[in-house]
């Protein structure tokens, strides 16, 4: 599995890039990719990752349901994936 980054022209102001997780090797997901990840630049210049999600209304609030979620319900697993994507992003920047 690897992550690849896609630069978009004329995207939103703080959009750093989009990311896709590409599944390689053997197995049922081989040759597939999971799209919809985005890397955003915060006001202080830090970069953070958002998962593909769906917005839904809860009364007057707007909430988001992430499509990529931990099977056991631990938020630490989501943070681990976001950290991996950020590590790969910074490594790709250093290599460029």
Protein backbone atom coordinates (compact mmCIF):
# COMPACT_ATOMS: atom_id res chain seq x y z
CA UNK A 1 0.00 0.00 0.00
CA UNK A 2 1.27 3.47 -0.80
CA UNK A 3 -0.02 7.02 -0.78
CA UNK A 4 0.21 9.37 -3.75
CA UNK A 5 -0.38 13.10 -3.76
CA UNK A 6 -2.21 15.09 -6.43
CA UNK A 7 -1.79 18.84 -6.84
CA UNK A 8 -4.95 20.63 -7.99
CA UNK A 9 -4.86 23.89 -9.88
CA UNK A 10 -7.34 26.56 -8.75
CA UNK A 11 -8.32 24.68 -5.59
CA UNK A 12 -9.44 26.29 -2.34
CA UNK A 13 -6.92 28.67 -0.81
CA UNK A 14 -5.60 26.41 1.96
CA UNK A 15 -5.76 23.11 0.08
CA UNK A 16 -2.20 21.79 0.01
CA UNK A 17 -3.01 18.73 -2.13
CA UNK A 18 -5.25 15.69 -2.37
CA UNK A 19 -4.12 12.18 -1.50
CA UNK A 20 -5.03 8.66 -2.59
CA UNK A 21 -4.17 5.38 -0.92
CA UNK A 22 -3.19 2.87 -3.61
CA UNK A 23 -3.45 -0.84 -2.79
CA UNK A 24 -0.68 -2.93 -4.33
CA UNK A 25 0.38 -6.55 -4.10
CA UNK A 26 -2.07 -9.38 -3.60
CA UNK A 27 -5.59 -9.49 -2.24
CA UNK A 28 -9.05 -8.29 -3.15
CA UNK A 29 -8.09 -4.59 -3.04
CA UNK A 30 -5.04 -4.98 -5.27
CA UNK A 31 -5.14 -2.45 -8.10
CA UNK A 32 -7.71 -0.27 -6.32
CA UNK A 33 -7.32 3.15 -4.70
CA UNK A 34 -9.16 4.98 -1.95
CA UNK A 35 -9.63 8.64 -2.85
CA UNK A 36 -10.94 11.68 -1.07
CA UNK A 37 -8.15 12.44 1.41
CA UNK A 38 -7.09 16.08 1.51
CA UNK A 39 -4.18 17.88 3.09
CA UNK A 40 -4.93 21.39 4.27
CA UNK A 41 -2.69 24.17 5.50
CA UNK A 42 -3.85 25.71 8.78
CA UNK A 43 -3.62 29.43 9.56
CA UNK A 44 -0.32 28.85 11.42
CA UNK A 45 1.18 26.95 8.46
CA UNK A 46 0.75 23.45 9.90
CA UNK A 47 -0.61 20.74 7.58
CA UNK A 48 -3.41 18.37 8.55
CA UNK A 49 -5.29 15.50 6.87
CA UNK A 50 -9.03 15.10 6.37
CA UNK A 51 -10.68 11.77 5.56
CA UNK A 52 -13.36 11.18 2.96
CA UNK A 53 -16.65 11.85 4.77
CA UNK A 54 -20.31 12.54 4.42
CA UNK A 55 -22.04 15.52 6.03
CA UNK A 56 -25.31 15.04 7.83
CA UNK A 57 -27.57 17.25 9.87
CA UNK A 58 -28.21 16.67 13.55
CA UNK A 59 -30.77 19.28 14.52
CA UNK A 60 -29.16 22.62 13.72
CA UNK A 61 -25.64 21.13 13.84
CA UNK A 62 -23.73 19.81 10.88
CA UNK A 63 -21.67 16.70 11.60
CA UNK A 64 -19.47 14.45 9.50
CA UNK A 65 -19.33 10.68 9.19
CA UNK A 66 -15.82 9.55 8.16
CA UNK A 67 -15.85 6.71 5.66
CA UNK A 68 -12.51 5.38 6.89
CA UNK A 69 -13.06 4.40 10.51
CA UNK A 70 -11.41 2.05 12.99
CA UNK A 71 -13.01 -1.38 13.20
CA UNK A 72 -12.69 -1.40 16.99
CA UNK A 73 -13.75 2.22 17.50
CA UNK A 74 -10.43 3.61 18.78
CA UNK A 75 -9.63 7.15 17.62
CA UNK A 76 -5.92 6.32 17.94
CA UNK A 77 -6.12 4.20 14.76
CA UNK A 78 -7.43 7.14 12.72
CA UNK A 79 -4.65 9.33 14.09
CA UNK A 80 -2.10 6.68 13.09
CA UNK A 81 -3.32 6.71 9.47
CA UNK A 82 -3.31 10.51 9.35
CA UNK A 83 0.24 10.55 10.78
CA UNK A 84 1.36 8.03 8.12
CA UNK A 85 -0.11 10.18 5.32
CA UNK A 86 1.64 13.28 6.72
CA UNK A 87 4.97 11.41 7.01
CA UNK A 88 4.68 10.32 3.37
CA UNK A 89 3.76 13.86 2.33
CA UNK A 90 6.79 15.38 4.08
CA UNK A 91 9.06 12.65 2.66
CA UNK A 92 7.78 13.40 -0.86
CA UNK A 93 8.50 17.11 -0.34
CA UNK A 94 12.05 16.39 0.84
CA UNK A 95 12.65 14.14 -2.19
CA UNK A 96 11.42 16.81 -4.65
